[in-house]
N, C-alpha and C. Protein backbone atom coordinates (compact mmCIF):
# COMPACT_ATOMS: atom_id res chain seq x y z
N MET A 1 -115.13 -131.09 106.10
CA MET A 1 -116.43 -131.39 106.41
C MET A 1 -116.84 -132.66 106.28
N LYS A 2 -116.53 -133.18 105.18
CA LYS A 2 -116.74 -134.88 105.01
C LYS A 2 -115.98 -135.54 105.62
N ARG A 3 -114.57 -135.11 105.86
CA ARG A 3 -113.61 -135.79 106.89
C ARG A 3 -114.10 -136.02 108.19
N LEU A 4 -114.80 -134.72 108.59
CA LEU A 4 -115.09 -134.71 109.97
C LEU A 4 -116.23 -135.61 110.38
N ALA A 5 -117.21 -135.73 109.21
CA ALA A 5 -118.62 -136.89 109.26
C ALA A 5 -118.06 -138.33 109.07
N LEU A 6 -117.02 -138.45 108.69
CA LEU A 6 -116.43 -139.71 108.37
C LEU A 6 -115.72 -140.22 109.70
N TYR A 7 -115.12 -139.38 110.21
CA TYR A 7 -114.47 -139.86 111.86
C TYR A 7 -115.60 -139.86 112.85
N CYS A 8 -116.64 -139.11 112.63
CA CYS A 8 -118.01 -139.49 113.38
C CYS A 8 -118.32 -140.65 113.36
N ILE A 9 -118.36 -140.93 112.10
CA ILE A 9 -119.19 -142.52 111.83
C ILE A 9 -118.34 -143.66 112.36
N ILE A 10 -116.98 -143.38 112.03
CA ILE A 10 -115.83 -144.47 112.44
C ILE A 10 -115.87 -144.42 114.08
N TYR A 11 -116.18 -143.57 114.84
CA TYR A 11 -116.24 -143.09 116.17
C TYR A 11 -117.29 -143.96 116.74
N PHE A 12 -118.59 -143.75 116.28
CA PHE A 12 -119.48 -144.21 116.60
C PHE A 12 -119.62 -145.75 116.38
N ILE A 13 -119.42 -146.20 115.24
CA ILE A 13 -119.11 -147.94 114.95
C ILE A 13 -118.35 -148.66 116.06
N THR A 14 -117.05 -147.64 116.30
CA THR A 14 -115.97 -148.45 117.06
C THR A 14 -116.61 -148.64 118.53
N PHE A 15 -116.84 -147.51 118.80
CA PHE A 15 -117.67 -147.40 120.30
C PHE A 15 -118.61 -148.43 120.54
N SER A 16 -119.70 -148.63 119.50
CA SER A 16 -120.70 -149.44 119.42
C SER A 16 -120.50 -150.97 119.82
N SER A 17 -119.33 -151.38 118.69
CA SER A 17 -118.93 -152.53 118.87
C SER A 17 -117.82 -153.12 120.36
N VAL A 18 -117.29 -152.05 120.78
CA VAL A 18 -116.65 -152.17 121.85
C VAL A 18 -117.24 -152.44 123.10
N ALA A 19 -118.70 -151.48 123.12
CA ALA A 19 -119.56 -151.82 124.04
C ALA A 19 -120.06 -152.91 124.31
N GLU A 20 -120.48 -153.81 123.13
CA GLU A 20 -121.19 -154.79 122.59
C GLU A 20 -120.28 -155.95 123.23
N GLU A 21 -118.76 -156.20 123.07
CA GLU A 21 -117.82 -157.06 123.39
C GLU A 21 -117.24 -156.95 124.95
N THR A 22 -117.01 -155.85 125.36
CA THR A 22 -116.48 -155.54 126.64
C THR A 22 -117.12 -156.57 127.92
N GLU A 23 -116.36 -157.17 128.47
CA GLU A 23 -117.06 -157.85 129.54
C GLU A 23 -116.48 -157.22 130.73
N THR A 24 -117.53 -156.75 131.89
CA THR A 24 -117.34 -156.20 132.91
C THR A 24 -117.54 -157.03 133.97
N PHE A 25 -116.67 -156.60 135.46
CA PHE A 25 -117.25 -157.21 136.59
C PHE A 25 -118.26 -156.68 137.19
N LEU A 26 -118.63 -155.48 137.14
CA LEU A 26 -119.89 -154.90 137.64
C LEU A 26 -121.17 -154.97 136.45
N GLN A 27 -122.30 -155.34 136.87
CA GLN A 27 -123.30 -154.98 135.97
C GLN A 27 -124.10 -154.09 136.15
N GLU A 28 -124.96 -153.57 134.96
CA GLU A 28 -125.76 -152.30 135.64
C GLU A 28 -127.20 -152.68 136.46
N LYS A 29 -127.53 -153.94 136.48
CA LYS A 29 -128.57 -154.41 137.09
C LYS A 29 -127.95 -155.45 137.68
N LEU A 30 -128.23 -155.47 139.08
CA LEU A 30 -128.06 -156.55 140.31
C LEU A 30 -128.97 -157.26 140.20
N ARG A 31 -128.75 -158.77 140.05
CA ARG A 31 -129.78 -159.69 140.35
C ARG A 31 -129.73 -160.47 141.45
N VAL A 32 -130.63 -160.20 142.33
CA VAL A 32 -130.61 -160.78 143.82
C VAL A 32 -131.77 -162.10 143.87
N LYS A 33 -131.01 -163.24 144.10
CA LYS A 33 -131.96 -164.17 144.23
C LYS A 33 -131.62 -165.04 145.68
N GLY A 34 -132.15 -166.28 146.28
CA GLY A 34 -131.77 -166.87 147.27
C GLY A 34 -132.03 -167.94 147.09
N PHE A 35 -131.47 -169.11 148.46
CA PHE A 35 -131.70 -170.54 148.50
C PHE A 35 -131.47 -170.72 150.04
N GLY A 36 -132.07 -172.12 150.23
CA GLY A 36 -131.81 -172.47 151.44
C GLY A 36 -131.22 -174.08 151.03
N SER A 37 -130.46 -174.80 152.18
CA SER A 37 -129.77 -176.03 151.56
C SER A 37 -129.42 -176.89 152.89
N PRO A 38 -130.38 -177.99 153.32
CA PRO A 38 -129.84 -178.94 154.04
C PRO A 38 -128.37 -179.57 153.69
N ILE A 39 -127.99 -179.87 154.83
CA ILE A 39 -126.32 -180.67 154.54
C ILE A 39 -126.17 -181.65 155.49
N VAL A 40 -125.78 -182.80 154.89
CA VAL A 40 -125.06 -183.84 155.41
C VAL A 40 -123.60 -184.04 155.18
N LYS A 41 -122.75 -184.05 156.15
CA LYS A 41 -121.05 -184.35 156.07
C LYS A 41 -120.93 -185.58 156.91
N MET A 42 -120.09 -186.37 155.99
CA MET A 42 -119.60 -187.48 156.74
C MET A 42 -118.24 -187.25 157.00
N THR A 43 -117.63 -187.64 158.28
CA THR A 43 -116.33 -187.13 158.57
C THR A 43 -116.04 -187.98 159.75
N GLN A 44 -114.85 -187.86 160.47
CA GLN A 44 -114.50 -188.35 161.61
C GLN A 44 -114.02 -187.19 162.78
N VAL A 45 -114.14 -187.64 164.15
CA VAL A 45 -114.20 -186.66 164.99
C VAL A 45 -113.87 -187.61 166.25
N HIS A 46 -112.57 -187.20 166.72
CA HIS A 46 -111.93 -187.61 168.25
C HIS A 46 -111.86 -189.25 167.52
N GLY A 47 -111.28 -189.41 166.26
CA GLY A 47 -111.24 -190.84 165.71
C GLY A 47 -112.31 -191.66 165.56
N GLU A 48 -113.34 -191.32 165.58
CA GLU A 48 -114.53 -191.99 165.30
C GLU A 48 -115.37 -191.27 163.92
N PHE A 49 -115.90 -192.44 163.22
CA PHE A 49 -116.52 -191.96 162.35
C PHE A 49 -117.86 -191.45 162.70
N ASP A 50 -118.20 -190.37 161.92
CA ASP A 50 -119.59 -189.64 162.33
C ASP A 50 -120.10 -188.75 161.41
N LEU A 51 -121.33 -188.21 161.54
CA LEU A 51 -122.25 -187.41 160.59
C LEU A 51 -122.53 -186.08 161.28
N ILE A 52 -122.00 -184.89 160.43
CA ILE A 52 -122.17 -183.66 160.86
C ILE A 52 -123.77 -183.14 160.25
N ILE A 53 -124.72 -182.79 160.88
CA ILE A 53 -126.15 -182.28 160.04
C ILE A 53 -126.05 -180.90 160.15
N GLY A 54 -126.40 -180.30 158.87
CA GLY A 54 -126.66 -178.80 159.10
C GLY A 54 -127.55 -178.31 158.00
N ALA A 55 -127.69 -176.79 158.04
CA ALA A 55 -128.33 -176.14 156.75
C ALA A 55 -127.43 -174.67 156.82
N ARG A 56 -127.70 -174.32 155.57
CA ARG A 56 -127.26 -172.98 155.10
C ARG A 56 -128.47 -172.31 154.28
N GLY A 57 -128.49 -170.65 154.58
CA GLY A 57 -129.16 -170.04 153.82
C GLY A 57 -128.35 -168.82 153.29
N ALA A 58 -128.80 -168.58 152.25
CA ALA A 58 -127.82 -167.67 151.37
C ALA A 58 -128.63 -166.57 150.36
N VAL A 59 -128.17 -165.59 150.40
CA VAL A 59 -128.64 -164.49 149.15
C VAL A 59 -127.49 -164.79 148.06
N LEU A 60 -128.13 -164.90 146.83
CA LEU A 60 -127.63 -165.03 145.45
C LEU A 60 -127.33 -163.90 144.76
N LEU A 61 -126.25 -163.52 144.51
CA LEU A 61 -125.94 -162.29 143.61
C LEU A 61 -125.60 -162.65 142.23
N ASN A 62 -126.09 -162.30 141.18
CA ASN A 62 -125.81 -162.24 139.83
C ASN A 62 -125.52 -163.91 139.65
N ARG A 63 -126.23 -164.89 140.35
CA ARG A 63 -126.34 -166.22 140.12
C ARG A 63 -124.77 -166.83 140.31
N ALA A 64 -123.84 -165.75 140.96
CA ALA A 64 -122.57 -166.33 140.85
C ALA A 64 -121.96 -166.39 142.15
N PHE A 65 -122.45 -165.30 142.80
CA PHE A 65 -121.81 -165.11 144.13
C PHE A 65 -122.68 -165.27 145.46
N ALA A 66 -122.45 -166.01 146.38
CA ALA A 66 -123.71 -166.04 147.33
C ALA A 66 -122.74 -165.82 149.03
N ILE A 67 -123.57 -165.15 149.65
CA ILE A 67 -123.22 -164.96 151.06
C ILE A 67 -124.40 -165.16 152.18
N GLY A 68 -124.02 -165.85 153.16
CA GLY A 68 -125.18 -166.40 153.87
C GLY A 68 -124.44 -166.83 155.41
N ILE A 69 -125.36 -167.76 156.05
CA ILE A 69 -125.12 -168.31 157.32
C ILE A 69 -125.14 -169.69 157.46
N GLY A 70 -124.24 -170.75 158.04
CA GLY A 70 -124.46 -171.91 158.21
C GLY A 70 -124.38 -172.35 159.54
N ALA A 71 -124.80 -173.29 159.71
CA ALA A 71 -125.13 -173.71 161.15
C ALA A 71 -124.94 -175.26 161.18
N TYR A 72 -124.21 -175.98 162.16
CA TYR A 72 -124.28 -177.78 162.21
C TYR A 72 -123.69 -178.18 163.35
N SER A 73 -124.13 -179.30 163.58
CA SER A 73 -124.15 -180.15 164.81
C SER A 73 -123.66 -181.40 164.55
N LEU A 74 -122.85 -181.92 165.58
CA LEU A 74 -122.38 -183.50 165.51
C LEU A 74 -123.67 -184.13 165.79
N ALA A 75 -123.89 -185.41 164.77
CA ALA A 75 -125.02 -186.28 165.26
C ALA A 75 -125.03 -187.10 166.49
N SER A 76 -123.59 -187.30 166.81
CA SER A 76 -123.77 -188.29 167.91
C SER A 76 -122.95 -187.21 169.01
N SER A 77 -122.68 -187.68 170.12
CA SER A 77 -121.98 -187.05 171.51
C SER A 77 -120.28 -187.59 171.14
N ILE A 78 -119.46 -186.77 171.44
CA ILE A 78 -117.93 -187.32 171.58
C ILE A 78 -117.72 -188.02 173.06
N HIS A 79 -117.50 -189.01 173.01
CA HIS A 79 -117.25 -189.70 174.26
C HIS A 79 -115.86 -189.69 174.66
N VAL A 80 -115.53 -189.29 175.77
CA VAL A 80 -114.14 -189.11 176.01
C VAL A 80 -113.79 -189.97 177.25
N ALA A 81 -112.96 -191.16 177.05
CA ALA A 81 -112.86 -192.24 178.07
C ALA A 81 -112.16 -191.59 179.14
N GLU A 82 -110.95 -190.94 179.01
CA GLU A 82 -110.21 -190.25 180.46
C GLU A 82 -111.05 -190.12 181.08
N THR A 83 -112.00 -188.84 180.77
CA THR A 83 -112.51 -188.26 181.94
C THR A 83 -114.05 -188.79 182.07
N LYS A 84 -114.52 -190.00 181.52
CA LYS A 84 -115.85 -190.58 181.52
C LYS A 84 -116.96 -189.57 181.09
N SER A 85 -116.70 -188.78 180.10
CA SER A 85 -117.94 -187.66 179.74
C SER A 85 -117.92 -187.56 178.35
N ASN A 86 -119.24 -187.16 177.88
CA ASN A 86 -119.64 -187.05 176.75
C ASN A 86 -119.75 -185.77 176.48
N PHE A 87 -119.46 -185.12 174.94
CA PHE A 87 -119.83 -183.81 174.63
C PHE A 87 -120.42 -183.60 173.41
N GLU A 88 -121.36 -182.84 173.19
CA GLU A 88 -122.12 -182.51 172.09
C GLU A 88 -121.17 -181.10 171.25
N MET A 89 -121.08 -181.18 170.07
CA MET A 89 -120.36 -180.54 169.07
C MET A 89 -121.15 -179.70 168.15
N GLU A 90 -121.02 -178.31 167.94
CA GLU A 90 -121.97 -177.54 167.16
C GLU A 90 -120.91 -176.59 166.64
N TYR A 91 -121.06 -175.69 165.42
CA TYR A 91 -120.48 -174.68 164.97
C TYR A 91 -121.31 -173.94 163.87
N ALA A 92 -121.08 -172.57 163.78
CA ALA A 92 -121.78 -171.95 162.78
C ALA A 92 -121.07 -170.80 162.50
N GLY A 93 -121.50 -170.11 161.27
CA GLY A 93 -120.55 -168.86 160.92
C GLY A 93 -121.20 -168.42 159.58
N LEU A 94 -120.25 -167.51 158.93
CA LEU A 94 -120.56 -166.39 157.85
C LEU A 94 -120.18 -167.35 156.62
N VAL A 95 -120.66 -167.80 155.46
CA VAL A 95 -120.38 -168.41 154.46
C VAL A 95 -120.44 -167.67 153.06
N LEU A 96 -119.34 -167.91 152.48
CA LEU A 96 -119.03 -167.09 151.14
C LEU A 96 -118.87 -168.09 150.08
N GLU A 97 -119.72 -168.37 149.03
CA GLU A 97 -119.39 -168.97 147.84
C GLU A 97 -119.38 -168.27 146.60
N PHE A 98 -118.66 -169.01 145.74
CA PHE A 98 -118.32 -168.55 144.28
C PHE A 98 -118.89 -169.65 143.16
N VAL A 99 -119.97 -169.58 142.44
CA VAL A 99 -120.48 -170.76 141.64
C VAL A 99 -119.60 -170.51 140.09
N PHE A 100 -119.24 -171.25 139.58
CA PHE A 100 -118.67 -171.04 138.15
C PHE A 100 -118.61 -172.56 137.34
N PRO A 101 -119.49 -172.47 136.26
CA PRO A 101 -120.50 -171.25 135.55
C PRO A 101 -121.50 -171.76 135.97
N PRO A 102 -122.47 -170.92 136.45
CA PRO A 102 -123.78 -171.44 137.13
C PRO A 102 -124.87 -172.04 136.13
N ASP A 103 -124.73 -171.45 134.70
CA ASP A 103 -125.82 -171.98 133.89
C ASP A 103 -125.70 -173.19 133.42
N LYS A 104 -124.32 -173.87 133.29
CA LYS A 104 -124.23 -175.54 133.02
C LYS A 104 -124.91 -176.20 133.77
N ARG A 105 -125.10 -177.43 133.44
CA ARG A 105 -125.83 -178.46 133.83
C ARG A 105 -125.00 -179.07 135.07
N VAL A 106 -123.55 -178.99 134.91
CA VAL A 106 -122.55 -179.38 135.63
C VAL A 106 -121.62 -178.58 135.79
N HIS A 107 -121.53 -177.93 136.92
CA HIS A 107 -120.44 -177.04 137.23
C HIS A 107 -119.85 -177.31 138.70
N LEU A 108 -118.87 -175.87 138.83
CA LEU A 108 -118.09 -176.09 140.15
C LEU A 108 -118.76 -175.03 141.35
N SER A 109 -118.49 -175.34 142.49
CA SER A 109 -118.77 -174.08 143.35
C SER A 109 -117.84 -174.56 144.64
N ALA A 110 -117.39 -173.15 145.01
CA ALA A 110 -116.40 -173.10 145.93
C ALA A 110 -116.86 -172.06 147.40
N ASN A 111 -116.78 -172.66 148.62
CA ASN A 111 -117.34 -171.58 149.66
C ASN A 111 -116.40 -172.02 150.60
N THR A 112 -116.40 -170.73 151.39
CA THR A 112 -115.78 -171.01 152.90
C THR A 112 -116.50 -170.75 154.05
N LEU A 113 -116.61 -171.22 155.14
CA LEU A 113 -117.13 -171.02 156.66
C LEU A 113 -116.54 -170.42 157.47
N ILE A 114 -116.59 -169.19 157.87
CA ILE A 114 -115.66 -168.67 158.92
C ILE A 114 -116.57 -168.50 160.08
N GLY A 115 -116.20 -169.33 161.36
CA GLY A 115 -117.14 -168.87 162.35
C GLY A 115 -116.48 -169.53 163.77
N TRP A 116 -117.63 -169.69 164.66
CA TRP A 116 -117.39 -170.14 166.19
C TRP A 116 -118.26 -171.42 166.36
N GLY A 117 -117.54 -172.50 167.24
CA GLY A 117 -118.08 -173.70 167.56
C GLY A 117 -118.00 -173.68 169.13
N GLY A 118 -118.91 -174.75 169.71
CA GLY A 118 -118.66 -175.06 170.90
C GLY A 118 -118.77 -176.44 171.25
N LEU A 119 -118.30 -176.80 172.37
CA LEU A 119 -118.27 -178.29 172.92
C LEU A 119 -119.18 -178.01 174.11
N ASN A 120 -120.22 -178.91 174.27
CA ASN A 120 -121.35 -178.65 175.35
C ASN A 120 -121.59 -180.06 176.09
N ASN A 121 -121.63 -180.02 177.46
CA ASN A 121 -121.85 -181.32 178.36
C ASN A 121 -122.92 -182.13 177.91
N ALA A 122 -122.94 -183.07 177.48
CA ALA A 122 -124.18 -183.98 177.04
C ALA A 122 -124.97 -184.31 178.05
N ALA A 123 -126.21 -185.00 177.74
CA ALA A 123 -127.11 -185.11 178.81
C ALA A 123 -126.99 -185.78 180.00
N ASP A 124 -125.87 -186.96 179.96
CA ASP A 124 -125.48 -187.39 181.28
C ASP A 124 -124.41 -186.80 181.90
N ARG A 125 -124.53 -186.02 182.79
CA ARG A 125 -123.55 -185.15 183.64
C ARG A 125 -123.16 -186.08 184.66
N ASN A 126 -123.33 -187.02 184.98
CA ASN A 126 -122.81 -187.77 186.25
C ASN A 126 -121.68 -188.80 185.86
N TRP A 127 -121.23 -188.83 184.43
CA TRP A 127 -120.13 -189.53 184.25
C TRP A 127 -118.66 -189.17 184.71
N MET A 128 -118.83 -187.99 185.34
CA MET A 128 -117.37 -187.57 185.62
C MET A 128 -117.11 -187.17 187.12
N TYR A 129 -116.06 -187.93 187.46
CA TYR A 129 -115.81 -188.10 188.91
C TYR A 129 -114.57 -187.19 189.58
N TYR A 130 -114.77 -186.57 190.52
CA TYR A 130 -114.07 -185.65 191.04
C TYR A 130 -112.21 -186.25 190.91
N ASN A 131 -112.12 -187.38 191.28
CA ASN A 131 -110.65 -187.63 191.04
C ASN A 131 -110.00 -187.54 189.42
N ASP A 132 -111.15 -187.89 188.63
CA ASP A 132 -110.73 -188.09 187.12
C ASP A 132 -110.56 -186.62 186.64
N TYR A 133 -111.59 -185.99 187.35
CA TYR A 133 -111.48 -184.43 186.93
C TYR A 133 -110.44 -183.44 187.10
N ASP A 134 -110.12 -183.76 188.46
CA ASP A 134 -108.77 -183.06 189.10
C ASP A 134 -107.52 -183.30 188.55
N ALA A 135 -107.44 -184.62 187.53
CA ALA A 135 -106.40 -184.68 186.83
C ALA A 135 -106.15 -183.82 185.59
N TYR A 136 -107.31 -183.52 184.76
CA TYR A 136 -107.61 -182.73 183.65
C TYR A 136 -107.50 -181.39 183.75
N TYR A 137 -108.39 -180.76 184.86
CA TYR A 137 -108.61 -179.54 185.04
C TYR A 137 -108.27 -178.92 186.22
N GLY A 138 -108.13 -177.60 185.92
CA GLY A 138 -107.79 -176.34 187.09
C GLY A 138 -109.00 -176.18 187.91
N ASP A 139 -108.39 -175.93 188.89
CA ASP A 139 -109.45 -175.11 190.26
C ASP A 139 -110.34 -174.24 189.37
N ASP A 140 -109.91 -173.28 188.84
CA ASP A 140 -110.81 -172.17 187.94
C ASP A 140 -112.04 -172.60 187.42
N GLN A 141 -111.75 -173.67 186.68
CA GLN A 141 -112.98 -174.54 185.52
C GLN A 141 -113.77 -175.45 186.73
N TYR A 142 -113.76 -175.38 188.05
CA TYR A 142 -114.37 -176.46 188.67
C TYR A 142 -115.63 -176.01 188.74
N TYR A 143 -116.61 -177.30 188.62
CA TYR A 143 -118.02 -176.89 188.84
C TYR A 143 -118.54 -177.45 190.18
N ALA A 144 -119.57 -177.12 190.83
CA ALA A 144 -120.27 -177.49 191.91
C ALA A 144 -120.21 -179.08 191.93
N ASN A 145 -120.89 -179.32 190.90
CA ASN A 145 -121.26 -180.91 190.60
C ASN A 145 -120.10 -181.64 189.82
N HIS A 146 -118.93 -181.09 190.07
CA HIS A 146 -117.65 -181.91 189.65
C HIS A 146 -117.59 -181.91 187.84
N ASN A 147 -118.67 -181.86 187.28
CA ASN A 147 -118.53 -181.89 185.65
C ASN A 147 -117.53 -180.88 185.12
N PRO A 148 -117.10 -181.34 183.82
CA PRO A 148 -116.44 -180.45 183.07
C PRO A 148 -116.87 -179.40 182.48
N VAL A 149 -116.40 -178.09 182.33
CA VAL A 149 -117.05 -176.78 181.65
C VAL A 149 -117.24 -177.09 180.15
N ASP A 150 -117.69 -176.25 179.36
CA ASP A 150 -117.83 -176.15 178.15
C ASP A 150 -116.81 -175.42 177.65
N ASP A 151 -116.71 -175.36 176.37
CA ASP A 151 -115.58 -174.86 175.69
C ASP A 151 -115.95 -174.58 174.15
N SER A 152 -115.13 -173.34 173.95
CA SER A 152 -115.33 -172.81 172.21
C SER A 152 -114.28 -172.92 171.35
N PHE A 153 -114.20 -172.58 170.24
CA PHE A 153 -113.10 -172.73 169.60
C PHE A 153 -113.71 -171.88 168.05
N MET A 154 -112.62 -171.52 167.21
CA MET A 154 -112.58 -171.04 165.97
C MET A 154 -112.65 -171.96 165.03
N VAL A 155 -113.40 -172.13 164.09
CA VAL A 155 -113.30 -172.88 162.65
C VAL A 155 -113.58 -172.15 161.44
N ILE A 156 -112.51 -172.81 160.36
CA ILE A 156 -112.79 -172.37 159.15
C ILE A 156 -112.50 -173.49 158.29
N GLU A 157 -113.59 -173.59 157.29
CA GLU A 157 -113.72 -174.72 156.58
C GLU A 157 -113.88 -174.40 155.35
N PRO A 158 -113.03 -174.47 154.29
CA PRO A 158 -113.10 -174.31 152.94
C PRO A 158 -113.63 -175.76 152.36
N GLU A 159 -114.66 -175.36 151.26
CA GLU A 159 -114.88 -176.35 150.33
C GLU A 159 -115.21 -176.39 148.98
N LEU A 160 -115.18 -177.47 148.42
CA LEU A 160 -115.03 -177.59 146.92
C LEU A 160 -116.19 -178.42 146.33
N ASP A 161 -117.00 -178.22 145.59
CA ASP A 161 -118.44 -179.05 145.34
C ASP A 161 -118.32 -179.23 143.73
N LEU A 162 -118.86 -180.22 143.35
CA LEU A 162 -119.31 -180.44 142.01
C LEU A 162 -120.85 -180.33 142.29
N GLU A 163 -121.71 -179.43 141.37
CA GLU A 163 -122.93 -179.09 141.51
C GLU A 163 -123.59 -179.43 140.42
N LEU A 164 -124.84 -180.07 140.37
CA LEU A 164 -125.61 -180.65 139.17
C LEU A 164 -126.99 -179.82 139.47
N ASN A 165 -127.27 -179.13 138.41
CA ASN A 165 -128.77 -178.51 138.20
C ASN A 165 -129.78 -179.56 137.81
N MET A 166 -130.40 -179.91 138.86
CA MET A 166 -131.57 -180.83 138.75
C MET A 166 -132.63 -180.34 137.95
N THR A 167 -133.32 -179.32 138.38
CA THR A 167 -134.50 -178.32 137.92
C THR A 167 -134.10 -177.01 138.18
N THR A 168 -134.65 -176.22 137.54
CA THR A 168 -134.42 -174.72 137.69
C THR A 168 -134.57 -174.25 139.21
N PHE A 169 -135.15 -175.09 140.05
CA PHE A 169 -135.10 -174.48 141.42
C PHE A 169 -134.46 -175.33 142.24
N PHE A 170 -133.78 -176.42 141.78
CA PHE A 170 -133.07 -177.77 142.96
C PHE A 170 -131.78 -178.09 142.30
N ARG A 171 -130.85 -177.92 143.21
CA ARG A 171 -129.55 -178.48 142.74
C ARG A 171 -129.05 -179.25 143.94
N LEU A 172 -128.21 -180.18 143.42
CA LEU A 172 -127.55 -181.15 144.31
C LEU A 172 -126.15 -181.13 144.12
N SER A 173 -125.44 -181.03 145.13
CA SER A 173 -123.89 -181.16 144.88
C SER A 173 -123.36 -182.05 145.97
N LEU A 174 -122.12 -182.42 145.42
CA LEU A 174 -121.05 -183.66 146.05
C LEU A 174 -119.85 -182.92 146.14
N GLY A 175 -119.34 -182.99 147.07
CA GLY A 175 -118.13 -181.92 147.51
C GLY A 175 -117.16 -182.54 148.56
N VAL A 176 -116.16 -181.91 149.06
CA VAL A 176 -115.22 -182.19 149.91
C VAL A 176 -114.90 -180.97 150.81
N SER A 177 -114.77 -181.21 151.94
CA SER A 177 -114.19 -180.06 153.05
C SER A 177 -113.14 -180.29 154.11
N TYR A 178 -112.64 -179.40 154.43
CA TYR A 178 -111.58 -179.44 155.55
C TYR A 178 -111.91 -178.31 156.59
N ARG A 179 -112.10 -179.10 157.78
CA ARG A 179 -112.48 -178.01 159.08
C ARG A 179 -110.98 -177.91 159.84
N TYR A 180 -110.54 -176.55 159.70
CA TYR A 180 -109.34 -175.97 160.47
C TYR A 180 -110.15 -175.55 161.70
N VAL A 181 -109.70 -176.19 163.12
CA VAL A 181 -110.00 -176.05 164.30
C VAL A 181 -108.93 -175.20 165.27
N SER A 182 -109.13 -174.05 165.69
CA SER A 182 -108.29 -173.31 166.51
C SER A 182 -109.08 -173.01 168.05
N GLY A 183 -108.27 -173.37 169.30
CA GLY A 183 -108.83 -172.81 170.50
C GLY A 183 -109.41 -173.92 171.34
N VAL A 184 -109.29 -175.03 171.16
CA VAL A 184 -109.83 -176.12 171.99
C VAL A 184 -108.84 -175.99 173.32
N GLY A 185 -109.40 -175.92 174.49
CA GLY A 185 -108.74 -176.07 175.66
C GLY A 185 -109.30 -177.00 176.78
N LEU A 186 -110.19 -177.66 176.32
CA LEU A 186 -110.80 -178.80 177.01
C LEU A 186 -110.27 -180.17 177.15
N MET A 187 -109.27 -180.00 178.06
CA MET A 187 -108.25 -181.30 177.98
C MET A 187 -109.24 -182.55 178.33
N PRO A 188 -109.12 -183.74 177.92
CA PRO A 188 -107.87 -184.20 176.80
C PRO A 188 -107.83 -183.96 175.41
N LEU A 189 -109.14 -183.47 175.28
CA LEU A 189 -109.62 -183.08 173.56
C LEU A 189 -108.60 -181.82 173.05
N THR A 190 -108.26 -182.10 171.96
CA THR A 190 -107.27 -181.15 171.32
C THR A 190 -107.78 -180.74 170.04
N ASN A 191 -107.31 -179.78 169.34
CA ASN A 191 -107.52 -179.13 167.93
C ASN A 191 -107.44 -180.39 167.03
N ALA A 192 -106.92 -181.28 167.15
CA ALA A 192 -106.41 -182.45 166.15
C ALA A 192 -107.81 -183.16 166.36
N ASP A 193 -108.54 -183.28 167.45
CA ASP A 193 -109.43 -184.12 167.57
C ASP A 193 -110.58 -183.74 166.58
N LEU A 194 -110.88 -182.45 166.50
CA LEU A 194 -111.92 -182.04 165.70
C LEU A 194 -111.82 -181.88 164.44
N LYS A 195 -110.57 -181.40 163.93
CA LYS A 195 -110.49 -181.29 162.66
C LYS A 195 -110.23 -182.22 161.74
N GLY A 196 -110.75 -182.05 160.40
CA GLY A 196 -110.65 -183.04 159.46
C GLY A 196 -111.27 -183.06 158.31
N LEU A 197 -111.09 -183.81 157.26
CA LEU A 197 -111.85 -183.88 156.03
C LEU A 197 -113.18 -184.19 156.28
N ALA A 198 -114.19 -183.99 155.27
CA ALA A 198 -115.41 -184.47 155.70
C ALA A 198 -115.91 -184.47 154.20
N ALA A 199 -116.81 -185.50 153.63
CA ALA A 199 -117.43 -185.77 152.42
C ALA A 199 -118.71 -184.85 152.68
N VAL A 200 -119.19 -184.06 151.33
CA VAL A 200 -120.29 -183.23 151.69
C VAL A 200 -121.59 -183.54 150.76
N PHE A 201 -122.57 -183.51 151.39
CA PHE A 201 -123.96 -183.66 150.29
C PHE A 201 -124.64 -182.51 150.76
N THR A 202 -125.25 -181.78 149.76
CA THR A 202 -125.77 -180.49 149.82
C THR A 202 -127.09 -180.65 148.84
N PHE A 203 -128.05 -180.10 149.43
CA PHE A 203 -129.51 -180.02 148.65
C PHE A 203 -129.99 -178.56 148.42
N LYS A 204 -129.78 -177.98 147.52
CA LYS A 204 -130.09 -176.62 147.39
C LYS A 204 -131.42 -176.28 146.79
N VAL A 205 -132.36 -175.53 147.33
CA VAL A 205 -133.65 -175.02 146.75
C VAL A 205 -133.74 -173.87 147.18
N GLY A 206 -134.13 -173.39 145.78
CA GLY A 206 -134.52 -171.82 145.70
C GLY A 206 -134.63 -171.20 144.61
N LYS A 207 -134.34 -169.95 144.02
CA LYS A 207 -134.32 -169.38 142.86
C LYS A 207 -133.07 -168.83 142.59
N PHE A 208 -132.62 -169.16 141.47
CA PHE A 208 -131.22 -169.16 141.00
C PHE A 208 -131.04 -168.34 139.53
């Protein structure tokens, strides 16, 4: 009887210590918060330096994992001299982010955007002449006004940031991203004209 009581005491002591020290992936209580962030990217598009302006909103889970949506637009239009045309570029998609460790004043965060983008005719639609157009586009893409058609593409953009906890509700991050682009078919533009590295400045405001 004494031995049984001793075994019970040892069991409860061991169980208590293990429960306190064991780290788990899932927490009993899920903490849900969120943030919004204006974003500026410095990059090259079609061989020219340019800015990409955008914003992102996300739901933050347990202060470490975020899932949200991001949307971006090229600040100026892409001028294609061969066809005497201008194009605007935009893209948006799902953004997944992991922050580690979020409690430190200076920490890292990594995110990836997976989405879709578009090339759209700019305001001046009279720069495209029939002879130039006929050399680059097929009859199935011919507009009555002889302008080139719009185009769409897939984009995947991984990003790594150094993040600073400025206040309890504001975070500033500096990072680098790379745009992988696929599906550009609007000649003479190619995937290589739109993809590339970018320096990223992010301003997060919310509850962390």
